[in-house]
Amino acid sequence: MTDTTLAPASAEASVRPAVREIGIIMNGVSGRMGYRQHLVRSILAIRDQGGIELPDGTKVTVKPLLVGRSEAKLADLAAKHGIEDYTTDLDAALADPRWEIYADFLVTKARASALRKAIAAGKTIYTEKPTAETVDEALELAKLAQEAGVKTGVVHDKLYLPGLQKLKRLIDSGFFGRILSVRGEFGYWVFEGDWQPAQRPSWNYRAEDGGGIIVDMFPHWNYVLENLFGEVKSVYAQAAVHIADRWDEKGEHYTATAEDAAYGIFELDGDIVAQINSSWTVRVNRDELVEFHVDGTHGSAVVGLFGAKIQHRNATPKPVWNPDLADDHDYDADWAEVPTNDVFQNGFRQQWEEFLVSYVEGTAYEFDLLSGARGVLLAEAGLQSSREGRKVELPTLSLD
């Protein structure tokens, strides 16, 4: 580690250095998302390109400190990617002023305690979701950060998907007229683990370990819905454990205790109704692993990870229901592709860059721990709805 002590982001210097290096504690990089999306495709990509250029011509670059439980794994990652610093001592890392930002990619059960430590240490925070296991804990973390004057950011990666960026452009342009409804389909078949290895970790299917597709996906759906269409007012959800018998990473049988599918109906501001099916037990028959179908008075769109198709009301066919005659109309041909007029980079990296610029410039950042708490709220309400068999209204969360 170097002896350089970095100035806090809020300090105003008469002359800003040409390149400012920000030390980032990265906790949980040996996991799938922490390694692939946050370390390799975001932080190392920013480092390797020489940093992010700011409007005044200066640059911000990054220096990662890898944190985890296995020193051997950390040493291997550090050697593989030319990283100087790693440690198994989180407390020591948080006490070191060289590291300004704490980034958390741990499993959900371990996240809240680590975030508390980072807040107490005065570190700026950037974390995966869900931010906690309960909404009370998630809101408590947001309030602790506010009281400590700590800037926070929560991963909202789905908003940066090329398809959803195209959708936002359609919404902002008024293409839809009044939006009526949203239908979402997400998921794929995750193998049980006996005759083929599962694509997801076994803890995802154990409620006692923080697993379940509602906890995993409803926080995503909350920020997608509230940022594109309107605040979620209520939820009715049905969770299901469709496949109880599964096999873990060692090939040992276990019984799933967390849902592998969830079927949700969400009421939004503006009388918009959203329906989203989330499943790890569905065989894909759609263009992409996630698709959203949006209908409005003036037009409709179907968007996925990358693609986007639209149909204006002036180009809408006039179907007539007749079960006695085969319908040979090619409905797919009635849709037009939205052109890719922008260059879209990795969504995780794009959000990292926006957060780093906001941190350096001292600007407000909307995707904070309070936003993360709203995602936990929707997940908690979805589980309650399924458990009680009723629609659950969502309260408004506040830091007051």
Protein backbone atom coordinates (compact mmCIF):
# COMPACT_ATOMS: atom_id res chain seq x y z
CA MET A 1 0.00 0.00 0.00
CA THR A 2 1.17 3.54 -0.69
CA ASP A 3 1.65 6.33 1.85
CA THR A 4 -0.55 8.76 -0.08
CA THR A 5 -3.38 10.29 1.93
CA LEU A 6 -6.24 11.43 -0.26
CA ALA A 7 -8.09 14.68 0.34
CA PRO A 8 -11.83 14.33 1.08
CA ALA A 9 -14.20 14.95 -1.81
CA SER A 10 -15.66 18.04 -0.17
CA ALA A 11 -12.32 19.84 0.14
CA GLU A 12 -11.93 22.74 -2.26
CA ALA A 13 -8.45 23.21 -3.65
CA SER A 14 -7.28 26.26 -5.52
CA VAL A 15 -5.91 23.99 -8.23
CA ARG A 16 -7.44 20.58 -8.79
CA PRO A 17 -4.86 17.85 -9.54
CA ALA A 18 -4.83 16.62 -13.13
CA VAL A 19 -5.64 13.08 -11.97
CA ARG A 20 -7.25 12.28 -8.65
CA GLU A 21 -7.02 8.68 -7.45
CA ILE A 22 -9.87 7.40 -5.27
CA GLY A 23 -9.29 4.38 -3.06
CA ILE A 24 -12.22 1.94 -3.01
CA ILE A 25 -12.70 -0.88 -0.51
CA MET A 26 -14.33 -3.70 -2.48
CA ASN A 27 -15.87 -6.24 -0.11
CA GLY A 28 -17.14 -9.48 -1.65
CA VAL A 29 -15.31 -9.46 -5.00
CA SER A 30 -14.89 -13.24 -5.01
CA GLY A 31 -18.64 -13.59 -5.62
CA ARG A 32 -20.11 -13.78 -9.12
CA MET A 33 -21.51 -10.24 -9.35
CA GLY A 34 -18.82 -8.60 -7.27
CA TYR A 35 -16.08 -10.04 -9.44
CA ARG A 36 -17.53 -9.96 -12.93
CA GLN A 37 -19.64 -6.81 -12.98
CA HIS A 38 -18.16 -4.55 -10.30
CA LEU A 39 -14.46 -5.41 -10.26
CA VAL A 40 -13.63 -6.49 -13.82
CA ARG A 41 -16.20 -4.68 -15.94
CA SER A 42 -16.45 -1.52 -13.86
CA ILE A 43 -13.59 -0.55 -11.54
CA LEU A 44 -10.75 -2.23 -13.44
CA ALA A 45 -12.19 -0.99 -16.75
CA ILE A 46 -12.20 2.57 -15.38
CA ARG A 47 -8.66 2.13 -14.06
CA ASP A 48 -7.35 0.64 -17.31
CA GLN A 49 -8.77 3.45 -19.45
CA GLY A 50 -6.97 6.00 -17.29
CA GLY A 51 -9.98 7.22 -15.33
CA ILE A 52 -13.02 9.38 -15.97
CA GLU A 53 -12.63 12.81 -17.53
CA LEU A 54 -14.52 15.61 -15.77
CA PRO A 55 -15.97 18.71 -17.46
CA ASP A 56 -13.00 20.84 -16.35
CA GLY A 57 -10.53 18.52 -18.08
CA THR A 58 -9.23 16.79 -14.96
CA LYS A 59 -9.59 13.06 -14.38
CA VAL A 60 -10.73 10.76 -11.61
CA THR A 61 -9.25 7.27 -11.44
CA VAL A 62 -9.68 4.40 -9.00
CA LYS A 63 -7.53 2.14 -6.87
CA PRO A 64 -9.23 -0.99 -5.48
CA LEU A 65 -8.57 -2.69 -2.16
CA LEU A 66 -9.91 -6.25 -2.27
CA VAL A 67 -11.54 -7.50 0.95
CA GLY A 68 -12.76 -11.00 1.71
CA ARG A 69 -12.47 -13.99 3.99
CA SER A 70 -10.00 -16.05 1.95
CA GLU A 71 -6.54 -14.53 1.64
CA ALA A 72 -5.62 -17.14 -0.98
CA LYS A 73 -8.54 -16.16 -3.21
CA LEU A 74 -7.79 -12.48 -2.80
CA ALA A 75 -4.11 -12.99 -3.59
CA ASP A 76 -5.03 -14.92 -6.74
CA LEU A 77 -7.42 -12.18 -7.92
CA ALA A 78 -4.89 -9.47 -7.13
CA ALA A 79 -2.13 -11.22 -9.07
CA LYS A 80 -4.42 -11.94 -12.01
CA HIS A 81 -5.50 -8.31 -12.39
CA GLY A 82 -2.44 -6.36 -11.28
CA ILE A 83 -3.98 -5.15 -8.01
CA GLU A 84 -1.58 -4.11 -5.26
CA ASP A 85 -3.81 -4.21 -2.20
CA TYR A 86 -5.95 -6.86 -0.53
CA THR A 87 -6.83 -7.79 3.04
CA THR A 88 -9.04 -10.03 5.17
CA ASP A 89 -9.28 -7.30 7.85
CA LEU A 90 -12.28 -5.11 7.04
CA ASP A 91 -11.95 -3.10 10.24
CA ALA A 92 -8.38 -2.11 9.39
CA ALA A 93 -9.41 -1.13 5.87
CA LEU A 94 -12.24 1.05 7.18
CA ALA A 95 -9.85 2.75 9.62
CA ASP A 96 -7.40 3.68 6.85
CA PRO A 97 -8.06 7.17 5.38
CA ARG A 98 -6.51 6.18 2.06
CA TRP A 99 -9.70 4.34 1.17
CA GLU A 100 -12.56 6.79 0.67
CA ILE A 101 -15.37 4.59 -0.61
CA TYR A 102 -16.71 1.35 0.81
CA ALA A 103 -18.35 -0.90 -1.83
CA ASP A 104 -20.38 -3.90 -0.67
CA PHE A 105 -21.13 -7.03 -2.75
CA LEU A 106 -21.65 -9.48 0.10
CA VAL A 107 -24.56 -11.88 0.49
CA THR A 108 -27.61 -10.10 1.86
CA LYS A 109 -27.35 -11.55 5.38
CA ALA A 110 -23.87 -10.06 5.86
CA ARG A 111 -24.52 -6.66 4.29
CA ALA A 112 -26.21 -4.58 6.99
CA SER A 113 -23.55 -5.13 9.67
CA ALA A 114 -20.77 -4.22 7.22
CA LEU A 115 -22.64 -1.09 6.10
CA ARG A 116 -23.03 -0.01 9.73
CA LYS A 117 -19.29 -0.26 10.20
CA ALA A 118 -18.64 1.74 7.04
CA ILE A 119 -21.09 4.47 8.10
CA ALA A 120 -19.47 4.67 11.54
CA ALA A 121 -16.09 5.03 9.83
CA GLY A 122 -17.42 7.92 7.74
CA LYS A 123 -16.87 6.19 4.41
CA THR A 124 -18.84 7.01 1.32
CA ILE A 125 -20.92 3.92 0.49
CA TYR A 126 -21.81 2.16 -2.74
CA THR A 127 -23.69 -1.12 -2.31
CA GLU A 128 -25.55 -3.87 -4.04
CA LYS A 129 -29.19 -4.49 -3.26
CA PRO A 130 -31.12 -5.49 -1.27
CA THR A 131 -29.51 -3.22 1.29
CA ALA A 132 -30.85 -5.22 4.26
CA GLU A 133 -33.08 -8.18 5.11
CA THR A 134 -35.94 -6.06 6.49
CA VAL A 135 -37.32 -2.66 5.63
CA ASP A 136 -36.83 -1.48 9.22
CA GLU A 137 -33.13 -2.27 9.00
CA ALA A 138 -32.82 -0.76 5.52
CA LEU A 139 -34.47 2.48 6.69
CA GLU A 140 -32.30 2.53 9.81
CA LEU A 141 -29.18 2.35 7.63
CA ALA A 142 -30.44 5.24 5.49
CA LYS A 143 -31.06 7.34 8.59
CA LEU A 144 -27.66 6.49 10.08
CA ALA A 145 -25.98 7.57 6.85
CA GLN A 146 -27.92 10.83 6.79
CA GLU A 147 -27.03 11.59 10.41
CA ALA A 148 -23.36 10.83 9.72
CA GLY A 149 -23.32 12.98 6.59
CA VAL A 150 -22.30 9.97 4.51
CA LYS A 151 -22.99 9.92 0.78
CA THR A 152 -24.55 6.66 -0.40
CA GLY A 153 -25.33 4.90 -3.65
CA VAL A 154 -27.24 1.70 -4.37
CA VAL A 155 -26.93 -0.37 -7.54
CA HIS A 156 -29.82 0.30 -9.95
CA ASP A 157 -28.30 -1.56 -12.90
CA LYS A 158 -31.50 -2.46 -14.77
CA LEU A 159 -32.15 1.22 -15.51
CA TYR A 160 -28.94 1.25 -17.54
CA LEU A 161 -29.87 -1.62 -19.82
CA PRO A 162 -29.90 -0.45 -23.47
CA GLY A 163 -33.49 -1.62 -23.88
CA LEU A 164 -34.71 0.30 -20.83
CA GLN A 165 -32.77 3.40 -21.86
CA LYS A 166 -34.59 3.24 -25.20
CA LEU A 167 -37.86 2.83 -23.28
CA LYS A 168 -37.13 5.88 -21.16
CA ARG A 169 -36.52 7.90 -24.30
CA LEU A 170 -39.91 6.79 -25.65
CA ILE A 171 -41.60 7.77 -22.40
CA ASP A 172 -39.88 11.16 -22.25
CA SER A 173 -40.85 11.90 -25.86
CA GLY A 174 -44.55 11.29 -25.12
CA PHE A 175 -44.71 8.36 -27.54
CA PHE A 176 -47.17 6.36 -25.43
CA GLY A 177 -49.69 9.08 -24.72
CA ARG A 178 -51.22 8.03 -21.40
CA ILE A 179 -49.56 4.84 -20.19
CA LEU A 180 -52.12 2.20 -19.24
CA SER A 181 -50.24 -0.92 -18.27
CA VAL A 182 -46.89 -2.70 -18.05
CA ARG A 183 -46.36 -6.45 -18.39
CA GLY A 184 -43.00 -7.93 -17.52
CA GLU A 185 -41.59 -11.41 -17.98
CA PHE A 186 -38.29 -12.29 -16.36
CA GLY A 187 -36.53 -15.57 -15.86
CA TYR A 188 -35.10 -18.78 -17.22
CA TRP A 189 -34.69 -22.41 -16.22
CA VAL A 190 -32.14 -22.90 -13.44
CA PHE A 191 -31.08 -26.53 -13.39
CA GLU A 192 -31.85 -28.48 -10.26
CA GLY A 193 -28.20 -29.44 -9.80
CA ASP A 194 -28.41 -33.20 -10.08
CA TRP A 195 -27.89 -34.00 -13.75
CA GLN A 196 -26.56 -30.53 -14.64
CA PRO A 197 -24.95 -27.98 -12.30
CA ALA A 198 -27.23 -25.10 -11.30
CA GLN A 199 -26.46 -21.64 -12.72
CA ARG A 200 -27.26 -19.94 -9.41
CA PRO A 201 -25.81 -20.46 -5.91
CA SER A 202 -27.75 -22.85 -3.68
CA TRP A 203 -28.29 -20.17 -1.02
CA ASN A 204 -30.70 -18.50 -3.46
CA TYR A 205 -33.16 -21.30 -2.64
CA ARG A 206 -32.85 -21.19 1.15
CA ALA A 207 -34.94 -18.59 2.96
CA GLU A 208 -32.79 -18.95 6.08
CA ASP A 209 -29.79 -17.76 4.02
CA GLY A 210 -31.57 -14.75 2.53
CA GLY A 211 -32.66 -16.51 -0.65
CA GLY A 212 -35.82 -16.26 -2.74
CA ILE A 213 -36.69 -14.60 -6.03
CA ILE A 214 -38.86 -11.95 -4.35
CA VAL A 215 -36.00 -10.67 -2.21
CA ASP A 216 -33.73 -10.85 -5.26
CA MET A 217 -35.94 -9.29 -7.93
CA PHE A 218 -38.63 -7.12 -6.33
CA PRO A 219 -36.08 -4.45 -5.31
CA HIS A 220 -35.14 -4.29 -9.01
CA TRP A 221 -38.77 -4.01 -10.08
CA ASN A 222 -39.35 -1.23 -7.56
CA TYR A 223 -36.72 1.10 -8.97
CA VAL A 224 -37.58 0.22 -12.56
CA LEU A 225 -41.27 0.96 -12.01
CA GLU A 226 -40.84 4.12 -9.92
CA ASN A 227 -38.20 5.66 -12.18
CA LEU A 228 -39.91 4.88 -15.48
CA PHE A 229 -43.63 4.82 -14.74
CA GLY A 230 -44.60 5.88 -11.22
CA GLU A 231 -44.32 5.10 -7.53
CA VAL A 232 -45.60 1.67 -6.49
CA LYS A 233 -48.72 2.08 -4.34
CA SER A 234 -49.67 -1.55 -3.70
CA VAL A 235 -48.72 -5.12 -4.52
CA TYR A 236 -50.50 -8.43 -4.82
CA ALA A 237 -48.06 -11.32 -5.17
CA GLN A 238 -48.16 -15.09 -5.29
CA ALA A 239 -44.91 -16.85 -4.46
CA ALA A 240 -44.26 -20.50 -5.27
CA VAL A 241 -41.67 -23.15 -4.57
CA HIS A 242 -42.19 -25.05 -7.80
CA ILE A 243 -39.14 -27.30 -7.38
CA ALA A 244 -38.34 -28.29 -3.81
CA ASP A 245 -35.65 -30.89 -4.52
CA ARG A 246 -32.34 -29.35 -5.46
CA TRP A 247 -28.64 -30.21 -5.27
CA ASP A 248 -25.94 -27.82 -4.05
CA GLU A 249 -22.43 -27.02 -5.28
CA LYS A 250 -21.09 -30.23 -3.72
CA GLY A 251 -23.74 -32.36 -5.35
CA GLU A 252 -25.61 -32.85 -2.08
CA HIS A 253 -29.40 -32.85 -2.02
CA TYR A 254 -31.28 -30.13 -0.13
CA THR A 255 -34.88 -29.00 0.14
CA ALA A 256 -35.64 -25.50 -1.14
CA THR A 257 -37.25 -23.26 1.46
CA ALA A 258 -37.37 -20.07 -0.64
CA GLU A 259 -39.63 -19.40 -3.61
CA ASP A 260 -38.28 -19.96 -7.11
CA ALA A 261 -41.10 -18.02 -8.80
CA ALA A 262 -43.28 -15.01 -8.00
CA TYR A 263 -46.25 -13.54 -9.85
CA GLY A 264 -46.93 -9.92 -8.98
CA ILE A 265 -49.48 -7.21 -9.73
CA PHE A 266 -48.42 -3.67 -8.84
CA GLU A 267 -50.60 -0.55 -8.75
CA LEU A 268 -48.66 2.59 -9.66
CA ASP A 269 -49.25 6.30 -9.54
CA GLY A 270 -51.35 7.50 -12.46
CA ASP A 271 -53.63 4.43 -12.37
CA ILE A 272 -51.01 2.35 -14.18
CA VAL A 273 -51.19 -1.41 -13.58
CA ALA A 274 -48.00 -3.47 -13.82
CA GLN A 275 -47.83 -7.26 -13.92
CA ILE A 276 -44.43 -8.92 -13.61
CA ASN A 277 -43.70 -12.64 -13.54
CA SER A 278 -40.31 -13.60 -12.10
CA SER A 279 -39.23 -17.23 -12.37
CA TRP A 280 -36.23 -19.53 -12.21
CA THR A 281 -38.49 -22.37 -13.40
CA VAL A 282 -39.50 -21.15 -16.86
CA ARG A 283 -38.14 -22.21 -20.24
CA VAL A 284 -37.59 -19.13 -22.36
CA ASN A 285 -39.78 -18.47 -25.38
CA ARG A 286 -39.15 -14.77 -25.88
CA ASP A 287 -36.44 -12.73 -27.55
CA GLU A 288 -34.57 -11.95 -24.31
CA LEU A 289 -34.41 -13.13 -20.70
CA VAL A 290 -36.40 -10.10 -19.59
CA GLU A 291 -39.08 -8.29 -21.57
CA PHE A 292 -41.47 -5.46 -20.74
CA HIS A 293 -44.59 -4.79 -22.78
CA VAL A 294 -45.90 -1.26 -22.30
CA ASP A 295 -49.29 -0.18 -23.64
CA GLY A 296 -50.44 3.42 -23.96
CA THR A 297 -53.27 5.28 -25.62
CA HIS A 298 -51.04 6.38 -28.52
CA GLY A 299 -48.64 3.48 -28.84
CA SER A 300 -47.05 0.36 -27.39
CA ALA A 301 -43.53 -0.98 -26.96
CA VAL A 302 -41.82 -4.27 -26.17
CA VAL A 303 -38.33 -3.90 -24.74
CA GLY A 304 -35.72 -6.27 -23.42
CA LEU A 305 -32.10 -6.15 -22.37
CA PHE A 306 -31.07 -4.63 -25.68
CA GLY A 307 -33.91 -4.56 -28.15
CA ALA A 308 -36.98 -2.35 -28.38
CA LYS A 309 -39.96 -2.62 -30.75
CA ILE A 310 -42.80 -0.13 -31.10
CA GLN A 311 -46.25 0.04 -32.62
CA HIS A 312 -47.99 3.40 -33.02
CA ARG A 313 -51.77 3.62 -32.93
CA ASN A 314 -51.76 4.59 -36.61
CA ALA A 315 -50.03 1.29 -37.41
CA THR A 316 -52.14 -0.91 -35.12
CA PRO A 317 -53.95 -3.76 -36.91
CA LYS A 318 -57.61 -4.50 -36.29
CA PRO A 319 -57.81 -8.08 -35.02
CA VAL A 320 -61.14 -9.86 -34.94
CA TRP A 321 -61.59 -12.88 -32.68
CA ASN A 322 -62.77 -15.91 -34.61
CA PRO A 323 -61.86 -19.29 -33.11
CA ASP A 324 -63.28 -21.12 -36.12
CA LEU A 325 -60.74 -19.82 -38.63
CA ALA A 326 -56.96 -19.91 -38.50
CA ASP A 327 -55.44 -16.44 -38.27
CA ASP A 328 -52.58 -16.12 -40.73
CA HIS A 329 -51.80 -12.46 -39.92
CA ASP A 330 -48.14 -11.92 -39.01
CA TYR A 331 -48.54 -9.78 -35.89
CA ASP A 332 -44.78 -9.62 -35.31
CA ALA A 333 -44.38 -7.83 -38.62
CA ASP A 334 -46.55 -4.94 -37.35
CA TRP A 335 -43.78 -3.82 -34.99
CA ALA A 336 -40.87 -1.52 -35.86
CA GLU A 337 -37.43 -1.76 -34.29
CA VAL A 338 -36.19 1.25 -32.34
CA PRO A 339 -32.76 2.13 -33.76
CA THR A 340 -29.69 2.04 -31.54
CA ASN A 341 -28.67 5.67 -31.89
CA ASP A 342 -26.45 5.70 -28.79
CA VAL A 343 -23.37 3.79 -27.70
CA PHE A 344 -24.36 1.87 -24.59
CA GLN A 345 -21.65 0.71 -22.22
CA ASN A 346 -21.92 -1.84 -19.43
CA GLY A 347 -24.70 -0.65 -17.12
CA PHE A 348 -22.82 -1.38 -13.90
CA ARG A 349 -19.85 0.62 -15.13
CA GLN A 350 -22.05 3.52 -16.29
CA GLN A 351 -23.64 3.81 -12.86
CA TRP A 352 -20.24 3.54 -11.15
CA GLU A 353 -18.96 6.42 -13.28
CA GLU A 354 -22.01 8.56 -12.50
CA PHE A 355 -21.64 7.86 -8.78
CA LEU A 356 -17.91 8.67 -8.77
CA VAL A 357 -18.49 11.95 -10.61
CA SER A 358 -21.30 12.83 -8.17
CA TYR A 359 -18.97 12.04 -5.27
CA VAL A 360 -16.13 14.20 -6.56
CA GLU A 361 -18.39 17.09 -7.58
CA GLY A 362 -20.42 16.91 -4.35
CA THR A 363 -23.78 16.72 -6.14
CA ALA A 364 -26.93 14.98 -4.90
CA TYR A 365 -27.34 11.33 -5.85
CA GLU A 366 -30.89 10.00 -6.09
CA PHE A 367 -30.17 6.26 -5.98
CA ASP A 368 -29.24 6.29 -2.30
CA LEU A 369 -29.95 4.10 0.72
CA LEU A 370 -33.49 5.50 0.99
CA SER A 371 -34.14 4.37 -2.58
CA GLY A 372 -32.68 1.01 -1.60
CA ALA A 373 -35.01 0.84 1.40
CA ARG A 374 -38.02 1.31 -0.90
CA GLY A 375 -36.88 -1.76 -2.80
CA VAL A 376 -36.69 -3.78 0.41
CA LEU A 377 -40.15 -2.48 1.31
CA LEU A 378 -41.63 -3.84 -1.91
CA ALA A 379 -39.96 -7.23 -1.37
CA GLU A 380 -41.24 -7.40 2.20
CA ALA A 381 -44.74 -6.39 1.09
CA GLY A 382 -44.65 -8.99 -1.70
CA LEU A 383 -43.80 -11.75 0.75
CA GLN A 384 -46.54 -10.53 3.11
CA SER A 385 -49.05 -10.45 0.25
CA SER A 386 -48.26 -14.01 -0.76
CA ARG A 387 -48.34 -15.22 2.82
CA GLU A 388 -51.69 -13.55 3.62
CA GLY A 389 -53.33 -13.90 0.21
CA ARG A 390 -54.24 -10.21 -0.16
CA LYS A 391 -53.21 -6.90 -1.68
CA VAL A 392 -50.79 -4.93 0.48
CA GLU A 393 -50.62 -1.14 0.41
CA LEU A 394 -47.16 0.41 0.58
CA PRO A 395 -46.48 3.24 3.03
CA THR A 396 -44.30 6.19 2.08
CA LEU A 397 -40.80 5.92 3.55
CA SER A 398 -39.12 9.02 4.93
CA LEU A 399 -35.89 9.88 6.74
CA ASP A 400 -37.78 12.32 9.01
